[in-house]
Amino acid sequence: RRELFVWGMTLVIMVLSPTFAVLTTFATHVFASDPNLVLTASDSFSALALIMALRFPINQTAQVLTQVAQAWRAAHRIAIFLSHPRRTTRTTASLAAGAANSSTHGVSSTN
């Protein structure tokens, strides 16, 4: 259940991250810059081109986060498995003895 939640959140981040990047970039430029500095078309298109060039690495980051979460969970499961005590195995001699005993049980020798 937790893994599905992480996967869903990663998908949301992957889809919405380019839009948030554009909005954050332009909002930062408008609010943090000098009031006399105007956002020109060349600045806007340059920022959009840069963000679109970074879109693939941003999406890959979201997929890497999903794979890291899955690897973390798999490592946790392996650690739990390895922490269990070992089961004793039967040797070949005990298996042969068990087979010999089972073949003589339940057989009556009445004629």
PDB file of N, CA and C in Angstrom:
ATOM      1  N   ARG A   1       0.827  -1.183   0.000  1.00  0.00           N
ATOM      2  CA  ARG A   1       0.000   0.000   0.000  1.00  0.00           C
ATOM      3  C   ARG A   1       0.878   1.255   0.000  1.00  0.00           C
ATOM      4  N   ARG A   2       1.910   1.249   0.810  1.00  0.00           N
ATOM      5  CA  ARG A   2       2.812   2.390   0.876  1.00  0.00           C
ATOM      6  C   ARG A   2       3.559   2.561  -0.447  1.00  0.00           C
ATOM      7  N   GLU A   3       3.920   1.437  -1.053  1.00  0.00           N
ATOM      8  CA  GLU A   3       4.644   1.498  -2.322  1.00  0.00           C
ATOM      9  C   GLU A   3       3.768   2.106  -3.414  1.00  0.00           C
ATOM     10  N   LEU A   4       2.477   1.766  -3.422  1.00  0.00           N
ATOM     11  CA  LEU A   4       1.567   2.356  -4.390  1.00  0.00           C
ATOM     12  C   LEU A   4       1.404   3.850  -4.161  1.00  0.00           C
ATOM     13  N   PHE A   5       1.378   4.267  -2.901  1.00  0.00           N
ATOM     14  CA  PHE A   5       1.278   5.690  -2.598  1.00  0.00           C
ATOM     15  C   PHE A   5       2.511   6.431  -3.109  1.00  0.00           C
ATOM     16  N   VAL A   6       3.683   5.867  -2.871  1.00  0.00           N
ATOM     17  CA  VAL A   6       4.919   6.498  -3.340  1.00  0.00           C
ATOM     18  C   VAL A   6       4.926   6.555  -4.860  1.00  0.00           C
ATOM     19  N   TRP A   7       4.476   5.475  -5.505  1.00  0.00           N
ATOM     20  CA  TRP A   7       4.440   5.443  -6.960  1.00  0.00           C
ATOM     21  C   TRP A   7       3.479   6.499  -7.495  1.00  0.00           C
ATOM     22  N   GLY A   8       2.313   6.642  -6.872  1.00  0.00           N
ATOM     23  CA  GLY A   8       1.339   7.645  -7.289  1.00  0.00           C
ATOM     24  C   GLY A   8       1.855   9.064  -7.115  1.00  0.00           C
ATOM     25  N   MET A   9       2.495   9.311  -5.984  1.00  0.00           N
ATOM     26  CA  MET A   9       3.055  10.652  -5.753  1.00  0.00           C
ATOM     27  C   MET A   9       4.181  10.946  -6.747  1.00  0.00           C
ATOM     28  N   THR A  10       4.953   9.949  -7.096  1.00  0.00           N
ATOM     29  CA  THR A  10       6.020  10.139  -8.073  1.00  0.00           C
ATOM     30  C   THR A  10       5.439  10.489  -9.433  1.00  0.00           C
ATOM     31  N   LEU A  11       4.348   9.843  -9.798  1.00  0.00           N
ATOM     32  CA  LEU A  11       3.703  10.177 -11.070  1.00  0.00           C
ATOM     33  C   LEU A  11       3.180  11.607 -11.073  1.00  0.00           C
ATOM     34  N   VAL A  12       2.582  12.013  -9.976  1.00  0.00           N
ATOM     35  CA  VAL A  12       2.084  13.389  -9.877  1.00  0.00           C
ATOM     36  C   VAL A  12       3.239  14.374 -10.005  1.00  0.00           C
ATOM     37  N   ILE A  13       4.326  14.109  -9.330  1.00  0.00           N
ATOM     38  CA  ILE A  13       5.488  14.987  -9.408  1.00  0.00           C
ATOM     39  C   ILE A  13       6.047  15.013 -10.827  1.00  0.00           C
ATOM     40  N   MET A  14       6.078  13.844 -11.468  1.00  0.00           N
ATOM     41  CA  MET A  14       6.632  13.758 -12.811  1.00  0.00           C
ATOM     42  C   MET A  14       5.798  14.560 -13.806  1.00  0.00           C
ATOM     43  N   VAL A  15       4.499  14.552 -13.655  1.00  0.00           N
ATOM     44  CA  VAL A  15       3.627  15.251 -14.593  1.00  0.00           C
ATOM     45  C   VAL A  15       3.605  16.756 -14.314  1.00  0.00           C
ATOM     46  N   LEU A  16       3.581  17.125 -13.054  1.00  0.00           N
ATOM     47  CA  LEU A  16       3.418  18.533 -12.706  1.00  0.00           C
ATOM     48  C   LEU A  16       4.719  19.313 -12.544  1.00  0.00           C
ATOM     49  N   SER A  17       5.844  18.649 -12.461  1.00  0.00           N
ATOM     50  CA  SER A  17       7.093  19.355 -12.191  1.00  0.00           C
ATOM     51  C   SER A  17       7.493  20.363 -13.272  1.00  0.00           C
ATOM     52  N   PRO A  18       7.333  20.096 -14.562  1.00  0.00           N
ATOM     53  CA  PRO A  18       7.684  21.138 -15.536  1.00  0.00           C
ATOM     54  C   PRO A  18       6.820  22.393 -15.411  1.00  0.00           C
ATOM     55  N   THR A  19       5.541  22.191 -15.126  1.00  0.00           N
ATOM     56  CA  THR A  19       4.650  23.342 -14.955  1.00  0.00           C
ATOM     57  C   THR A  19       5.046  24.155 -13.732  1.00  0.00           C
ATOM     58  N   PHE A  20       5.332  23.477 -12.634  1.00  0.00           N
ATOM     59  CA  PHE A  20       5.770  24.183 -11.434  1.00  0.00           C
ATOM     60  C   PHE A  20       7.100  24.890 -11.656  1.00  0.00           C
ATOM     61  N   ALA A  21       7.967  24.288 -12.431  1.00  0.00           N
ATOM     62  CA  ALA A  21       9.257  24.923 -12.712  1.00  0.00           C
ATOM     63  C   ALA A  21       9.060  26.219 -13.471  1.00  0.00           C
ATOM     64  N   VAL A  22       8.188  26.217 -14.457  1.00  0.00           N
ATOM     65  CA  VAL A  22       7.915  27.440 -15.236  1.00  0.00           C
ATOM     66  C   VAL A  22       7.294  28.500 -14.341  1.00  0.00           C
ATOM     67  N   LEU A  23       6.288  28.109 -13.575  1.00  0.00           N
ATOM     68  CA  LEU A  23       5.613  29.085 -12.703  1.00  0.00           C
ATOM     69  C   LEU A  23       6.570  29.653 -11.655  1.00  0.00           C
ATOM     70  N   THR A  24       7.376  28.800 -11.064  1.00  0.00           N
ATOM     71  CA  THR A  24       8.320  29.249 -10.040  1.00  0.00           C
ATOM     72  C   THR A  24       9.370  30.185 -10.630  1.00  0.00           C
ATOM     73  N   THR A  25       9.845  29.855 -11.811  1.00  0.00           N
ATOM     74  CA  THR A  25      10.860  30.696 -12.445  1.00  0.00           C
ATOM     75  C   THR A  25      10.324  32.089 -12.737  1.00  0.00           C
ATOM     76  N   PHE A  26       9.152  32.150 -13.349  1.00  0.00           N
ATOM     77  CA  PHE A  26       8.602  33.461 -13.690  1.00  0.00           C
ATOM     78  C   PHE A  26       8.144  34.231 -12.451  1.00  0.00           C
ATOM     79  N   ALA A  27       7.601  33.534 -11.461  1.00  0.00           N
ATOM     80  CA  ALA A  27       7.199  34.213 -10.223  1.00  0.00           C
ATOM     81  C   ALA A  27       8.414  34.772  -9.495  1.00  0.00           C
ATOM     82  N   THR A  28       9.494  34.027  -9.474  1.00  0.00           N
ATOM     83  CA  THR A  28      10.714  34.513  -8.837  1.00  0.00           C
ATOM     84  C   THR A  28      11.264  35.730  -9.570  1.00  0.00           C
ATOM     85  N   HIS A  29      11.232  35.677 -10.877  1.00  0.00           N
ATOM     86  CA  HIS A  29      11.729  36.810 -11.662  1.00  0.00           C
ATOM     87  C   HIS A  29      10.884  38.064 -11.429  1.00  0.00           C
ATOM     88  N   VAL A  30       9.570  37.889 -11.374  1.00  0.00           N
ATOM     89  CA  VAL A  30       8.680  39.037 -11.217  1.00  0.00           C
ATOM     90  C   VAL A  30       8.779  39.616  -9.812  1.00  0.00           C
ATOM     91  N   PHE A  31       8.778  38.769  -8.777  1.00  0.00           N
ATOM     92  CA  PHE A  31       8.727  39.268  -7.408  1.00  0.00           C
ATOM     93  C   PHE A  31      10.089  39.618  -6.825  1.00  0.00           C
ATOM     94  N   ALA A  32      11.155  39.000  -7.282  1.00  0.00           N
ATOM     95  CA  ALA A  32      12.466  39.225  -6.687  1.00  0.00           C
ATOM     96  C   ALA A  32      13.315  40.235  -7.454  1.00  0.00           C
ATOM     97  N   SER A  33      12.898  40.596  -8.636  1.00  0.00           N
ATOM     98  CA  SER A  33      13.721  41.511  -9.430  1.00  0.00           C
ATOM     99  C   SER A  33      13.333  42.964  -9.172  1.00  0.00           C
ATOM    100  N   ASP A  34      14.093  43.826  -9.754  1.00  0.00           N
ATOM    101  CA  ASP A  34      13.856  45.274  -9.649  1.00  0.00           C
ATOM    102  C   ASP A  34      12.513  45.607 -10.290  1.00  0.00           C
ATOM    103  N   PRO A  35      11.693  46.451  -9.652  1.00  0.00           N
ATOM    104  CA  PRO A  35      10.382  46.790 -10.235  1.00  0.00           C
ATOM    105  C   PRO A  35      10.484  47.448 -11.616  1.00  0.00           C
ATOM    106  N   ASN A  36      11.605  48.064 -11.900  1.00  0.00           N
ATOM    107  CA  ASN A  36      11.761  48.712 -13.197  1.00  0.00           C
ATOM    108  C   ASN A  36      12.181  47.722 -14.287  1.00  0.00           C
ATOM    109  N   LEU A  37      12.593  46.525 -13.889  1.00  0.00           N
ATOM    110  CA  LEU A  37      13.021  45.518 -14.843  1.00  0.00           C
ATOM    111  C   LEU A  37      11.788  44.783 -15.375  1.00  0.00           C
ATOM    112  N   VAL A  38      11.626  44.809 -16.691  1.00  0.00           N
ATOM    113  CA  VAL A  38      10.448  44.232 -17.329  1.00  0.00           C
ATOM    114  C   VAL A  38      10.812  42.850 -17.879  1.00  0.00           C
ATOM    115  N   LEU A  39       9.896  41.933 -17.770  1.00  0.00           N
ATOM    116  CA  LEU A  39      10.088  40.599 -18.321  1.00  0.00           C
ATOM    117  C   LEU A  39       9.871  40.666 -19.827  1.00  0.00           C
ATOM    118  N   THR A  40      10.934  40.517 -20.574  1.00  0.00           N
ATOM    119  CA  THR A  40      10.848  40.631 -22.037  1.00  0.00           C
ATOM    120  C   THR A  40      10.584  39.272 -22.660  1.00  0.00           C
ATOM    121  N   ALA A  41      10.236  39.312 -23.923  1.00  0.00           N
ATOM    122  CA  ALA A  41       9.955  38.079 -24.646  1.00  0.00           C
ATOM    123  C   ALA A  41      11.218  37.229 -24.760  1.00  0.00           C
ATOM    124  N   SER A  42      12.373  37.854 -24.967  1.00  0.00           N
ATOM    125  CA  SER A  42      13.605  37.074 -25.095  1.00  0.00           C
ATOM    126  C   SER A  42      13.949  36.373 -23.785  1.00  0.00           C
ATOM    127  N   ASP A  43      13.731  37.053 -22.662  1.00  0.00           N
ATOM    128  CA  ASP A  43      13.960  36.406 -21.360  1.00  0.00           C
ATOM    129  C   ASP A  43      12.983  35.249 -21.148  1.00  0.00           C
ATOM    130  N   SER A  44      11.732  35.467 -21.512  1.00  0.00           N
ATOM    131  CA  SER A  44      10.708  34.433 -21.336  1.00  0.00           C
ATOM    132  C   SER A  44      11.019  33.199 -22.172  1.00  0.00           C
ATOM    133  N   PHE A  45      11.349  33.409 -23.456  1.00  0.00           N
ATOM    134  CA  PHE A  45      11.616  32.267 -24.324  1.00  0.00           C
ATOM    135  C   PHE A  45      12.911  31.559 -23.942  1.00  0.00           C
ATOM    136  N   SER A  46      13.888  32.300 -23.473  1.00  0.00           N
ATOM    137  CA  SER A  46      15.129  31.661 -23.011  1.00  0.00           C
ATOM    138  C   SER A  46      14.862  30.783 -21.792  1.00  0.00           C
ATOM    139  N   ALA A  47      14.072  31.284 -20.866  1.00  0.00           N
ATOM    140  CA  ALA A  47      13.737  30.505 -19.679  1.00  0.00           C
ATOM    141  C   ALA A  47      12.920  29.273 -20.051  1.00  0.00           C
ATOM    142  N   LEU A  48      11.957  29.436 -20.951  1.00  0.00           N
ATOM    143  CA  LEU A  48      11.161  28.287 -21.385  1.00  0.00           C
ATOM    144  C   LEU A  48      12.017  27.239 -22.083  1.00  0.00           C
ATOM    145  N   ALA A  49      12.962  27.689 -22.919  1.00  0.00           N
ATOM    146  CA  ALA A  49      13.838  26.737 -23.614  1.00  0.00           C
ATOM    147  C   ALA A  49      14.704  25.972 -22.614  1.00  0.00           C
ATOM    148  N   LEU A  50      15.219  26.677 -21.625  1.00  0.00           N
ATOM    149  CA  LEU A  50      16.035  26.014 -20.609  1.00  0.00           C
ATOM    150  C   LEU A  50      15.212  25.001 -19.814  1.00  0.00           C
ATOM    151  N   ILE A  51      14.026  25.375 -19.431  1.00  0.00           N
ATOM    152  CA  ILE A  51      13.175  24.465 -18.654  1.00  0.00           C
ATOM    153  C   ILE A  51      12.772  23.259 -19.495  1.00  0.00           C
ATOM    154  N   MET A  52      12.469  23.471 -20.755  1.00  0.00           N
ATOM    155  CA  MET A  52      12.114  22.341 -21.617  1.00  0.00           C
ATOM    156  C   MET A  52      13.320  21.428 -21.853  1.00  0.00           C
ATOM    157  N   ALA A  53      14.514  22.004 -21.875  1.00  0.00           N
ATOM    158  CA  ALA A  53      15.716  21.170 -22.005  1.00  0.00           C
ATOM    159  C   ALA A  53      15.943  20.347 -20.739  1.00  0.00           C
ATOM    160  N   LEU A  54      15.538  20.876 -19.599  1.00  0.00           N
ATOM    161  CA  LEU A  54      15.701  20.171 -18.325  1.00  0.00           C
ATOM    162  C   LEU A  54      14.512  19.266 -17.991  1.00  0.00           C
ATOM    163  N   ARG A  55      13.518  19.235 -18.851  1.00  0.00           N
ATOM    164  CA  ARG A  55      12.322  18.441 -18.570  1.00  0.00           C
ATOM    165  C   ARG A  55      12.643  16.951 -18.468  1.00  0.00           C
ATOM    166  N   PHE A  56      13.449  16.418 -19.364  1.00  0.00           N
ATOM    167  CA  PHE A  56      13.793  14.998 -19.322  1.00  0.00           C
ATOM    168  C   PHE A  56      14.544  14.634 -18.047  1.00  0.00           C
ATOM    169  N   PRO A  57      15.591  15.381 -17.649  1.00  0.00           N
ATOM    170  CA  PRO A  57      16.241  15.033 -16.380  1.00  0.00           C
ATOM    171  C   PRO A  57      15.316  15.155 -15.163  1.00  0.00           C
ATOM    172  N   ILE A  58      14.412  16.111 -15.190  1.00  0.00           N
ATOM    173  CA  ILE A  58      13.468  16.252 -14.076  1.00  0.00           C
ATOM    174  C   ILE A  58      12.567  15.023 -14.008  1.00  0.00           C
ATOM    175  N   ASN A  59      12.068  14.574 -15.157  1.00  0.00           N
ATOM    176  CA  ASN A  59      11.220  13.379 -15.178  1.00  0.00           C
ATOM    177  C   ASN A  59      12.005  12.135 -14.780  1.00  0.00           C
ATOM    178  N   GLN A  60      13.252  12.049 -15.174  1.00  0.00           N
ATOM    179  CA  GLN A  60      14.074  10.904 -14.795  1.00  0.00           C
ATOM    180  C   GLN A  60      14.306  10.882 -13.285  1.00  0.00           C
ATOM    181  N   THR A  61      14.410  12.039 -12.679  1.00  0.00           N
ATOM    182  CA  THR A  61      14.579  12.114 -11.227  1.00  0.00           C
ATOM    183  C   THR A  61      13.386  11.484 -10.523  1.00  0.00           C
ATOM    184  N   ALA A  62      12.198  11.745 -11.012  1.00  0.00           N
ATOM    185  CA  ALA A  62      10.998  11.158 -10.410  1.00  0.00           C
ATOM    186  C   ALA A  62      11.021   9.631 -10.553  1.00  0.00           C
ATOM    187  N   GLN A  63      11.437   9.132 -11.698  1.00  0.00           N
ATOM    188  CA  GLN A  63      11.498   7.687 -11.891  1.00  0.00           C
ATOM    189  C   GLN A  63      12.581   7.062 -11.020  1.00  0.00           C
ATOM    190  N   VAL A  64      13.684   7.762 -10.855  1.00  0.00           N
ATOM    191  CA  VAL A  64      14.755   7.254  -9.993  1.00  0.00           C
ATOM    192  C   VAL A  64      14.275   7.181  -8.548  1.00  0.00           C
ATOM    193  N   LEU A  65      13.495   8.168  -8.120  1.00  0.00           N
ATOM    194  CA  LEU A  65      12.943   8.137  -6.760  1.00  0.00           C
ATOM    195  C   LEU A  65      12.037   6.918  -6.568  1.00  0.00           C
ATOM    196  N   THR A  66      11.256   6.578  -7.587  1.00  0.00           N
ATOM    197  CA  THR A  66      10.411   5.390  -7.511  1.00  0.00           C
ATOM    198  C   THR A  66      11.261   4.134  -7.371  1.00  0.00           C
ATOM    199  N   GLN A  67      12.309   4.030  -8.167  1.00  0.00           N
ATOM    200  CA  GLN A  67      13.161   2.856  -8.109  1.00  0.00           C
ATOM    201  C   GLN A  67      13.912   2.773  -6.786  1.00  0.00           C
ATOM    202  N   VAL A  68      14.302   3.902  -6.232  1.00  0.00           N
ATOM    203  CA  VAL A  68      14.971   3.906  -4.930  1.00  0.00           C
ATOM    204  C   VAL A  68      14.007   3.430  -3.847  1.00  0.00           C
ATOM    205  N   ALA A  69      12.765   3.872  -3.913  1.00  0.00           N
ATOM    206  CA  ALA A  69      11.764   3.428  -2.932  1.00  0.00           C
ATOM    207  C   ALA A  69      11.529   1.921  -3.037  1.00  0.00           C
ATOM    208  N   GLN A  70      11.468   1.401  -4.264  1.00  0.00           N
ATOM    209  CA  GLN A  70      11.277  -0.028  -4.445  1.00  0.00           C
ATOM    210  C   GLN A  70      12.490  -0.810  -3.960  1.00  0.00           C
ATOM    211  N   ALA A  71      13.680  -0.299  -4.222  1.00  0.00           N
ATOM    212  CA  ALA A  71      14.895  -0.978  -3.761  1.00  0.00           C
ATOM    213  C   ALA A  71      14.971  -0.966  -2.237  1.00  0.00           C
ATOM    214  N   TRP A  72      14.581   0.130  -1.632  1.00  0.00           N
ATOM    215  CA  TRP A  72      14.576   0.238  -0.172  1.00  0.00           C
ATOM    216  C   TRP A  72      13.646  -0.812   0.431  1.00  0.00           C
ATOM    217  N   ARG A  73      12.459  -0.951  -0.150  1.00  0.00           N
ATOM    218  CA  ARG A  73      11.492  -1.923   0.350  1.00  0.00           C
ATOM    219  C   ARG A  73      11.996  -3.351   0.142  1.00  0.00           C
ATOM    220  N   ALA A  74      12.612  -3.604  -1.008  1.00  0.00           N
ATOM    221  CA  ALA A  74      13.146  -4.943  -1.276  1.00  0.00           C
ATOM    222  C   ALA A  74      14.267  -5.274  -0.294  1.00  0.00           C
ATOM    223  N   ALA A  75      15.133  -4.308  -0.008  1.00  0.00           N
ATOM    224  CA  ALA A  75      16.209  -4.543   0.956  1.00  0.00           C
ATOM    225  C   ALA A  75      15.636  -4.822   2.340  1.00  0.00           C
ATOM    226  N   HIS A  76      14.559  -4.135   2.691  1.00  0.00           N
ATOM    227  CA  HIS A  76      13.909  -4.370   3.988  1.00  0.00           C
ATOM    228  C   HIS A  76      13.344  -5.789   4.052  1.00  0.00           C
ATOM    229  N   ARG A  77      12.718  -6.242   2.973  1.00  0.00           N
ATOM    230  CA  ARG A  77      12.170  -7.597   2.940  1.00  0.00           C
ATOM    231  C   ARG A  77      13.279  -8.644   3.023  1.00  0.00           C
ATOM    232  N   ILE A  78      14.376  -8.399   2.329  1.00  0.00           N
ATOM    233  CA  ILE A  78      15.502  -9.332   2.379  1.00  0.00           C
ATOM    234  C   ILE A  78      16.078  -9.385   3.787  1.00  0.00           C
ATOM    235  N   ALA A  79      16.181  -8.228   4.451  1.00  0.00           N
ATOM    236  CA  ALA A  79      16.702  -8.198   5.820  1.00  0.00           C
ATOM    237  C   ALA A  79      15.800  -8.987   6.764  1.00  0.00           C
ATOM    238  N   ILE A  80      14.502  -8.869   6.588  1.00  0.00           N
ATOM    239  CA  ILE A  80      13.564  -9.638   7.419  1.00  0.00           C
ATOM    240  C   ILE A  80      13.740 -11.130   7.160  1.00  0.00           C
ATOM    241  N   PHE A  81      13.867 -11.497   5.888  1.00  0.00           N
ATOM    242  CA  PHE A  81      14.051 -12.906   5.536  1.00  0.00           C
ATOM    243  C   PHE A  81      15.336 -13.452   6.137  1.00  0.00           C
ATOM    244  N   LEU A  82      16.402 -12.697   6.055  1.00  0.00           N
ATOM    245  CA  LEU A  82      17.687 -13.165   6.569  1.00  0.00           C
ATOM    246  C   LEU A  82      17.749 -13.182   8.089  1.00  0.00           C
ATOM    247  N   SER A  83      16.877 -12.445   8.749  1.00  0.00           N
ATOM    248  CA  SER A  83      16.886 -12.420  10.211  1.00  0.00           C
ATOM    249  C   SER A  83      16.165 -13.623  10.819  1.00  0.00           C
ATOM    250  N   HIS A  84      15.390 -14.345  10.014  1.00  0.00           N
ATOM    251  CA  HIS A  84      14.716 -15.539  10.521  1.00  0.00           C
ATOM    252  C   HIS A  84      15.742 -16.633  10.806  1.00  0.00           C
ATOM    253  N   PRO A  85      15.482 -17.451  11.835  1.00  0.00           N
ATOM    254  CA  PRO A  85      16.424 -18.545  12.124  1.00  0.00           C
ATOM    255  C   PRO A  85      16.404 -19.576  10.995  1.00  0.00           C
ATOM    256  N   ARG A  86      17.527 -20.235  10.850  1.00  0.00           N
ATOM    257  CA  ARG A  86      17.637 -21.242   9.800  1.00  0.00           C
ATOM    258  C   ARG A  86      16.845 -22.480  10.167  1.00  0.00           C
ATOM    259  N   ARG A  87      16.291 -23.112   9.173  1.00  0.00           N
ATOM    260  CA  ARG A  87      15.609 -24.387   9.373  1.00  0.00           C
ATOM    261  C   ARG A  87      16.632 -25.490   9.184  1.00  0.00           C
ATOM    262  N   THR A  88      16.537 -26.507   9.992  1.00  0.00           N
ATOM    263  CA  THR A  88      17.462 -27.632   9.839  1.00  0.00           C
ATOM    264  C   THR A  88      16.987 -28.485   8.684  1.00  0.00           C
ATOM    265  N   THR A  89      17.931 -28.940   7.908  1.00  0.00           N
ATOM    266  CA  THR A  89      17.581 -29.774   6.761  1.00  0.00           C
ATOM    267  C   THR A  89      17.862 -31.225   7.093  1.00  0.00           C
ATOM    268  N   ARG A  90      17.131 -32.074   6.477  1.00  0.00           N
ATOM    269  CA  ARG A  90      17.317 -33.511   6.701  1.00  0.00           C
ATOM    270  C   ARG A  90      18.414 -34.017   5.782  1.00  0.00           C
ATOM    271  N   THR A  91      19.239 -34.890   6.311  1.00  0.00           N
ATOM    272  CA  THR A  91      20.327 -35.443   5.513  1.00  0.00           C
ATOM    273  C   THR A  91      19.805 -36.572   4.637  1.00  0.00           C
ATOM    274  N   THR A  92      20.621 -36.984   3.710  1.00  0.00           N
ATOM    275  CA  THR A  92      20.249 -38.081   2.811  1.00  0.00           C
ATOM    276  C   THR A  92      20.031 -39.381   3.573  1.00  0.00           C
ATOM    277  N   ALA A  93      20.856 -39.618   4.601  1.00  0.00           N
ATOM    278  CA  ALA A  93      20.712 -40.843   5.388  1.00  0.00           C
ATOM    279  C   ALA A  93      19.382 -40.855   6.131  1.00  0.00           C
ATOM    280  N   SER A  94      18.988 -39.730   6.706  1.00  0.00           N
ATOM    281  CA  SER A  94      17.718 -39.703   7.433  1.00  0.00           C
ATOM    282  C   SER A  94      16.546 -39.801   6.468  1.00  0.00           C
ATOM    283  N   LEU A  95      16.697 -39.272   5.255  1.00  0.00           N
ATOM    284  CA  LEU A  95      15.640 -39.416   4.263  1.00  0.00           C
ATOM    285  C   LEU A  95      15.485 -40.876   3.843  1.00  0.00           C
ATOM    286  N   ALA A  96      16.610 -41.575   3.665  1.00  0.00           N
ATOM    287  CA  ALA A  96      16.563 -42.990   3.287  1.00  0.00           C
ATOM    288  C   ALA A  96      15.955 -43.818   4.413  1.00  0.00           C
ATOM    289  N   ALA A  97      16.306 -43.522   5.654  1.00  0.00           N
ATOM    290  CA  ALA A  97      15.750 -44.256   6.792  1.00  0.00           C
ATOM    291  C   ALA A  97      14.258 -43.998   6.904  1.00  0.00           C
ATOM    292  N   GLY A  98      13.845 -42.768   6.667  1.00  0.00           N
ATOM    293  CA  GLY A  98      12.424 -42.435   6.715  1.00  0.00           C
ATOM    294  C   GLY A  98      11.648 -43.140   5.631  1.00  0.00           C
ATOM    295  N   ALA A  99      12.243 -43.271   4.458  1.00  0.00           N
ATOM    296  CA  ALA A  99      11.581 -43.974   3.360  1.00  0.00           C
ATOM    297  C   ALA A  99      11.457 -45.461   3.667  1.00  0.00           C
ATOM    298  N   ALA A 100      12.474 -46.054   4.298  1.00  0.00           N
ATOM    299  CA  ALA A 100      12.424 -47.476   4.643  1.00  0.00           C
ATOM    300  C   ALA A 100      11.365 -47.725   5.707  1.00  0.00           C
ATOM    301  N   ASN A 101      11.240 -46.819   6.679  1.00  0.00           N
ATOM    302  CA  ASN A 101      10.237 -46.986   7.733  1.00  0.00           C
ATOM    303  C   ASN A 101       8.826 -46.829   7.176  1.00  0.00           C
ATOM    304  N   SER A 102       8.650 -45.940   6.269  1.00  0.00           N
ATOM    305  CA  SER A 102       7.302 -45.714   5.741  1.00  0.00           C
ATOM    306  C   SER A 102       6.853 -46.842   4.844  1.00  0.00           C
ATOM    307  N   SER A 103       7.800 -47.578   4.228  1.00  0.00           N
ATOM    308  CA  SER A 103       7.392 -48.687   3.366  1.00  0.00           C
ATOM    309  C   SER A 103       6.977 -49.908   4.183  1.00  0.00           C
ATOM    310  N   THR A 104       7.432 -50.043   5.406  1.00  0.00           N
ATOM    311  CA  THR A 104       7.063 -51.191   6.236  1.00  0.00           C
ATOM    312  C   THR A 104       5.829 -50.936   7.064  1.00  0.00           C
ATOM    313  N   HIS A 105       5.442 -49.691   7.232  1.00  0.00           N
ATOM    314  CA  HIS A 105       4.256 -49.363   8.033  1.00  0.00           C
ATOM    315  C   HIS A 105       2.990 -49.660   7.240  1.00  0.00           C
ATOM    316  N   GLY A 106       2.016 -50.188   7.910  1.00  0.00           N
ATOM    317  CA  GLY A 106       0.732 -50.421   7.304  1.00  0.00           C
ATOM    318  C   GLY A 106       0.657 -51.641   6.435  1.00  0.00           C
ATOM    319  N   VAL A 107       1.704 -52.438   6.406  1.00  0.00           N
ATOM    320  CA  VAL A 107       1.694 -53.666   5.587  1.00  0.00           C
ATOM    321  C   VAL A 107       1.518 -54.844   6.534  1.00  0.00           C
ATOM    322  N   SER A 108       0.489 -55.596   6.330  1.00  0.00           N
ATOM    323  CA  SER A 108       0.278 -56.774   7.172  1.00  0.00           C
ATOM    324  C   SER A 108       0.757 -58.014   6.429  1.00  0.00           C
ATOM    325  N   SER A 109       1.362 -58.906   7.178  1.00  0.00           N
ATOM    326  CA  SER A 109       1.895 -60.115   6.567  1.00  0.00           C
ATOM    327  C   SER A 109       1.082 -61.330   6.954  1.00  0.00           C
ATOM    328  N   THR A 110      -0.228 -61.239   6.929  1.00  0.00           N
ATOM    329  CA  THR A 110      -1.078 -62.387   7.254  1.00  0.00           C
ATOM    330  C   THR A 110      -1.450 -63.117   5.981  1.00  0.00           C
ATOM    331  N   ASN A 111      -1.342 -64.451   6.007  1.00  0.00           N
ATOM    332  CA  ASN A 111      -1.699 -65.250   4.837  1.00  0.00           C
ATOM    333  C   ASN A 111      -2.861 -66.141   5.139  1.00  0.00           C
TER     334      ASN A 111
END
